Protein backbone atom coordinates (compact mmCIF):
# COMPACT_ATOMS: atom_id res chain seq x y z
CA MET A 1 38.43 -10.62 -29.44
CA PRO A 2 38.08 -14.10 -27.88
CA ILE A 3 39.22 -14.66 -24.30
CA ASN A 4 41.03 -17.97 -24.09
CA GLN A 5 41.96 -17.93 -20.45
CA ASN A 6 40.40 -18.99 -17.17
CA ILE A 7 41.27 -17.39 -13.83
CA TYR A 8 40.35 -18.90 -10.46
CA PRO A 9 41.21 -16.38 -7.75
CA TYR A 10 41.19 -17.30 -4.12
CA ASN A 11 41.91 -15.33 -1.02
CA ALA A 12 40.93 -16.76 2.37
CA GLN A 13 39.83 -13.33 3.58
CA VAL A 14 37.61 -12.78 0.54
CA GLY A 15 35.83 -16.04 1.31
CA GLN A 16 34.29 -14.30 4.30
CA LEU A 17 32.55 -11.70 2.13
CA PRO A 18 28.81 -11.87 1.35
CA ILE A 19 29.60 -12.26 -2.36
CA TYR A 20 32.90 -12.81 -4.16
CA LEU A 21 34.34 -13.86 -7.51
CA THR A 22 35.38 -17.51 -7.74
CA GLY A 23 36.29 -17.62 -11.41
CA ILE A 24 36.28 -15.68 -14.67
CA GLY A 25 37.32 -16.55 -18.20
CA GLY A 26 36.26 -17.74 -21.60
CA SER A 27 37.01 -19.90 -24.60
CA GLU A 28 36.21 -19.53 -28.28
CA TYR A 29 35.93 -23.33 -28.41
CA GLN A 30 33.49 -24.10 -25.62
CA ASN A 31 33.48 -27.76 -24.61
CA HIS A 32 30.45 -29.96 -23.98
CA ILE A 33 29.53 -29.49 -20.31
CA ARG A 34 27.22 -31.94 -18.55
CA ARG A 35 26.53 -31.49 -14.82
CA SER A 36 23.89 -33.81 -13.45
CA GLU A 37 24.19 -32.25 -9.99
CA GLY A 38 24.89 -28.71 -11.11
CA TYR A 39 28.01 -26.61 -10.54
CA THR A 40 29.57 -25.80 -7.20
CA TRP A 41 29.23 -22.03 -7.86
CA TYR A 42 26.71 -19.60 -9.32
CA GLN A 43 27.45 -18.72 -12.96
CA ILE A 44 26.65 -16.05 -15.55
CA LEU A 45 27.72 -16.99 -19.07
CA TYR A 46 27.75 -14.95 -22.26
CA SER A 47 27.51 -16.31 -25.79
CA ALA A 48 29.82 -13.97 -27.71
CA ASN A 49 29.91 -15.78 -31.04
CA GLY A 50 28.68 -19.00 -32.57
CA THR A 51 25.76 -21.07 -31.30
CA GLY A 52 25.10 -23.61 -28.60
CA CYS A 53 22.36 -25.38 -26.67
CA LEU A 54 21.47 -25.22 -23.00
CA LYS A 55 19.49 -28.01 -21.34
CA TYR A 56 17.80 -27.88 -17.94
CA ASP A 57 14.49 -29.09 -16.48
CA ASN A 58 13.81 -31.13 -19.64
CA VAL A 59 13.99 -27.92 -21.68
CA THR A 60 16.43 -27.29 -24.56
CA VAL A 61 17.23 -23.70 -25.50
CA THR A 62 19.27 -22.60 -28.51
CA LEU A 63 21.73 -19.84 -27.69
CA GLY A 64 23.25 -17.41 -30.17
CA PRO A 65 25.50 -14.34 -30.15
CA GLY A 66 24.58 -11.69 -27.58
CA GLN A 67 22.70 -14.01 -25.22
CA TYR A 68 23.41 -14.40 -21.52
CA PHE A 69 22.45 -17.35 -19.39
CA TYR A 70 22.52 -17.54 -15.61
CA LEU A 71 22.83 -20.87 -13.81
CA PRO A 72 22.13 -21.18 -10.06
CA LYS A 73 24.44 -23.08 -7.80
CA ASN A 74 23.92 -26.87 -7.73
CA TYR A 75 21.26 -26.69 -10.49
CA PRO A 76 21.49 -29.62 -12.95
CA HIS A 77 22.26 -28.48 -16.49
CA GLU A 78 24.06 -29.24 -19.73
CA TYR A 79 25.35 -27.00 -22.51
CA TYR A 80 27.31 -27.69 -25.69
CA PRO A 81 28.29 -26.06 -29.01
CA THR A 82 26.19 -26.51 -32.15
CA SER A 83 28.54 -24.57 -34.44
CA GLN A 84 32.19 -25.21 -35.29
CA SER A 85 33.23 -22.81 -32.57
CA TRP A 86 31.20 -21.34 -29.73
CA ASP A 87 32.80 -18.38 -27.96
CA VAL A 88 31.55 -18.32 -24.34
CA ARG A 89 32.66 -15.93 -21.58
CA TRP A 90 31.79 -16.79 -17.99
CA VAL A 91 31.80 -15.48 -14.44
CA ALA A 92 31.43 -17.68 -11.36
CA PHE A 93 30.74 -16.46 -7.84
CA ASP A 94 29.65 -17.47 -4.37
CA GLY A 95 29.37 -16.07 -0.83
CA TYR A 96 27.32 -16.48 2.30
CA ALA A 97 24.72 -13.92 1.12
CA CYS A 98 24.31 -15.31 -2.40
CA LYS A 99 21.40 -17.58 -1.56
CA GLN A 100 19.45 -14.72 0.00
CA ILE A 101 20.28 -12.33 -2.86
CA VAL A 102 19.24 -14.89 -5.46
CA SER A 103 15.97 -15.47 -3.62
CA LEU A 104 15.22 -11.74 -3.37
CA LEU A 105 15.90 -11.32 -7.09
CA GLY A 106 13.74 -14.30 -8.01
CA MET A 107 16.67 -16.07 -9.65
CA GLU A 108 16.36 -19.54 -8.15
CA LYS A 109 16.11 -21.00 -11.68
CA PRO A 110 18.16 -20.48 -14.86
CA VAL A 111 17.64 -17.18 -16.64
CA ILE A 112 18.23 -16.51 -20.34
CA VAL A 113 18.25 -13.00 -21.78
CA LYS A 114 19.42 -11.15 -24.89
CA PRO A 115 19.66 -7.48 -23.88
CA SER A 116 19.10 -4.81 -26.51
CA ASP A 117 21.99 -2.97 -24.86
CA ASP A 118 24.56 -4.94 -22.91
CA SER A 119 27.27 -2.27 -22.78
CA ALA A 120 27.01 -2.04 -18.98
CA LEU A 121 27.40 -5.80 -18.60
CA GLN A 122 30.37 -5.84 -20.97
CA LYS A 123 32.03 -3.00 -19.08
CA ILE A 124 31.67 -4.73 -15.71
CA TYR A 125 33.01 -8.02 -17.10
CA LYS A 126 36.04 -6.24 -18.57
CA ARG A 127 36.74 -4.46 -15.28
CA MET A 128 36.67 -7.78 -13.41
CA PHE A 129 38.94 -9.49 -15.92
CA VAL A 130 41.45 -6.62 -16.09
CA SER A 131 41.45 -6.33 -12.30
CA GLN A 132 42.34 -10.00 -11.94
CA LYS A 133 45.16 -9.61 -14.43
CA SER A 134 46.64 -6.34 -13.20
CA ASP A 135 45.88 -5.89 -9.49
CA LYS A 136 47.09 -8.83 -7.47
CA VAL A 137 46.59 -7.14 -4.10
CA TYR A 138 43.07 -5.70 -4.18
CA CYS A 139 41.52 -7.48 -7.18
CA ASP A 140 39.49 -9.95 -5.12
CA LEU A 141 38.03 -7.21 -2.93
CA SER A 142 37.17 -4.93 -5.85
CA CYS A 143 35.68 -7.81 -7.81
CA SER A 144 33.33 -8.58 -4.93
CA GLY A 145 31.49 -5.33 -5.62
CA LEU A 146 31.69 -5.82 -9.39
CA VAL A 147 30.13 -9.28 -9.17
CA TYR A 148 27.19 -7.79 -7.27
CA GLN A 149 26.81 -5.09 -9.95
CA TYR A 150 26.98 -7.76 -12.64
CA MET A 151 24.17 -9.73 -11.01
CA LEU A 152 21.96 -6.69 -10.62
CA GLU A 153 22.56 -5.53 -14.19
CA LEU A 154 21.68 -8.96 -15.55
CA HIS A 155 18.56 -9.04 -13.37
CA ARG A 156 17.54 -5.62 -14.66
CA ARG A 157 17.92 -6.69 -18.28
CA ALA A 158 16.14 -9.98 -17.69
CA PHE A 159 13.18 -8.91 -15.56
CA ASP A 160 12.71 -5.17 -15.98
CA LYS A 161 11.10 -5.37 -19.41
CA ASN A 162 7.79 -4.48 -21.02
CA SER A 163 6.27 -4.46 -24.46
CA TYR A 164 7.86 -1.19 -25.53
CA GLY A 165 10.53 -2.66 -27.77
CA GLY A 166 12.29 -4.29 -24.86
CA SER A 167 12.99 -0.98 -23.15
CA ASP A 168 13.45 -0.93 -19.41
CA ARG A 169 10.30 -0.05 -17.51
CA SER A 170 12.45 2.08 -15.24
CA ASP A 171 13.50 4.16 -18.25
CA ILE A 172 9.91 4.50 -19.42
CA LEU A 173 8.74 5.56 -15.97
CA LEU A 174 11.53 8.10 -15.49
CA PRO A 175 9.49 11.10 -16.78
CA VAL A 176 6.66 10.12 -14.41
CA LEU A 177 8.96 9.72 -11.41
CA ASN A 178 10.68 13.03 -12.14
CA TYR A 179 7.32 14.75 -12.55
CA ILE A 180 6.10 13.46 -9.19
CA ASP A 181 9.37 14.49 -7.53
CA ASP A 182 9.09 18.00 -8.99
CA ASN A 183 5.37 18.50 -8.34
CA PHE A 184 4.73 16.63 -5.08
CA ASP A 185 3.47 19.83 -3.41
CA ARG A 186 0.27 19.92 -5.49
CA ASP A 187 -2.49 17.52 -6.46
CA PHE A 188 -2.72 16.22 -10.02
CA PRO A 189 -4.82 13.49 -11.66
CA LEU A 190 -3.44 10.15 -12.81
CA THR A 191 -4.30 11.11 -16.40
CA GLU A 192 -1.73 13.91 -16.16
CA LEU A 193 0.98 11.37 -15.39
CA ALA A 194 -0.18 8.93 -18.06
CA ARG A 195 -0.03 11.62 -20.75
CA LEU A 196 3.67 12.11 -20.05
CA ILE A 197 4.49 8.69 -21.52
CA LYS A 198 1.46 8.38 -23.82
CA ILE A 199 -0.24 5.40 -22.20
CA THR A 200 -3.56 4.88 -20.43
CA PRO A 201 -3.88 5.46 -16.68
CA GLN A 202 -4.65 1.77 -16.24
CA HIS A 203 -1.49 0.74 -18.06
CA LEU A 204 0.52 3.26 -16.06
CA CYS A 205 -0.75 1.79 -12.79
CA ARG A 206 0.16 -1.71 -13.92
CA ILE A 207 3.75 -1.02 -14.98
CA PHE A 208 4.26 1.33 -12.01
CA LYS A 209 3.20 -1.40 -9.59
CA GLU A 210 5.34 -4.03 -11.36
CA THR A 211 8.41 -1.78 -11.36
CA MET A 212 8.15 0.23 -8.15
CA HIS A 213 6.13 -2.32 -6.15
CA MET A 214 3.65 0.39 -5.16
CA LYS A 215 0.92 2.51 -6.69
CA PRO A 216 1.65 6.01 -8.06
CA SER A 217 -0.37 7.47 -5.18
CA GLU A 218 1.77 5.58 -2.66
CA TYR A 219 4.95 6.86 -4.30
CA LEU A 220 3.58 10.41 -4.11
CA THR A 221 2.78 9.98 -0.42
CA LYS A 222 6.30 8.70 0.30
CA ARG A 223 7.79 11.64 -1.60
CA ARG A 224 5.66 14.08 0.44
CA LEU A 225 6.62 12.41 3.69
CA SER A 226 10.29 12.57 2.73
CA GLU A 227 9.98 16.32 2.23
CA ALA A 228 8.06 16.73 5.48
CA LYS A 229 10.74 14.84 7.43
CA GLU A 230 13.47 17.09 6.05
CA LEU A 231 11.52 20.21 7.02
CA LEU A 232 10.84 18.85 10.49
CA LYS A 233 14.50 18.07 11.03
CA HIS A 234 16.03 21.22 9.61
CA THR A 235 13.50 24.05 10.14
CA ASP A 236 11.33 25.46 12.91
CA MET A 237 8.26 25.72 10.70
CA SER A 238 4.89 24.87 12.18
CA VAL A 239 3.28 21.52 11.37
CA SER A 240 0.55 23.30 9.39
CA ASP A 241 3.14 25.08 7.22
CA ILE A 242 5.07 21.86 6.68
CA CYS A 243 1.82 20.12 5.83
CA ARG A 244 1.13 22.71 3.12
CA LEU A 245 4.65 22.80 1.69
CA SER A 246 4.89 19.03 1.45
CA GLY A 247 1.63 18.72 -0.47
CA PHE A 248 -0.86 17.60 2.18
CA SER A 249 -4.13 19.52 2.08
CA ASP A 250 -5.16 18.92 5.70
CA ALA A 251 -3.01 19.02 8.84
CA SER A 252 -5.05 16.36 10.61
CA TYR A 253 -4.75 13.98 7.66
CA PHE A 254 -1.02 14.77 7.42
CA SER A 255 -0.50 13.83 11.08
CA THR A 256 -2.46 10.60 10.63
CA VAL A 257 -0.47 9.56 7.55
CA PHE A 258 2.82 10.57 9.15
CA LYS A 259 2.16 8.50 12.26
CA ARG A 260 1.06 5.50 10.18
CA HIS A 261 4.34 5.50 8.22
CA GLU A 262 6.79 6.74 10.85
CA GLY A 263 5.23 5.33 14.01
CA THR A 264 5.16 8.71 15.74
CA SER A 265 3.69 12.20 15.40
CA PRO A 266 5.46 14.97 13.42
CA LEU A 267 6.38 16.91 16.57
CA VAL A 268 7.78 13.87 18.35
CA TYR A 269 9.72 13.00 15.19
CA ARG A 270 11.21 16.52 15.19
CA LYS A 271 12.23 16.21 18.85
CA ARG A 272 13.78 12.79 18.37
CA SER A 273 15.63 13.85 15.21
CA ARG A 274 17.28 16.68 17.07
CA GLU A 275 18.30 14.28 19.81
CA GLY A 276 19.89 12.07 17.19
CA LEU A 277 17.33 9.29 17.60
CA THR A 278 16.14 9.11 13.98
CA GLU A 279 17.83 8.34 10.69
């Protein structure tokens, strides 16, 4: 069902938040929009029905049903319908942390994506819209968190892709991550992990690095260190026993790796944790 209403909430207190909703709405008859200096807010728009064109950076992109397009703040652009009606839903947002978040997500330029599954995005949009209509006291505060979720979900759908039919790399890697988490206390070859998702070890390393920003071996080390830290904090086991239970084959190597990552030795870490000086 089309949404032919625009809402522009404003609460002076909300304006102090790192991210907050500045507008939400939609129209089944989208007008021609031309902004030579961009828009005053960040925007995520959804083409629900019909077709239109988006222009930016001397590029023209045709948009159809099911496509999302993100436009950074103050980024010159133009969009207009190319069918009799073009149903577009939109969310606008701002906040003192937006620039940093956008930079961290690599979203300094427009992003266009057609997710194979946008149910999560649709659900968040609906929650924001209903909140603005039904909760006049806390809607702006609750929508602050929902806007952040909306951004992250769009980023996931736009950037977390690979050649496997558009599936999320995080979903593809899930069996590997679970396997490492369940078997961190023993050594296993990379081929054993690759067989879990039926790809080559080389391909596994590539998508693991792109998704997790580390190698599988680094992830395994971090998982082992996490276990070791828990045992140091909550048991009186010896370092050699903790070394063995957390998957390290040599106590000397364990101490070296632990100090490299934590900045202190296992025994000092234990002492400090019990004094409340660690996380």
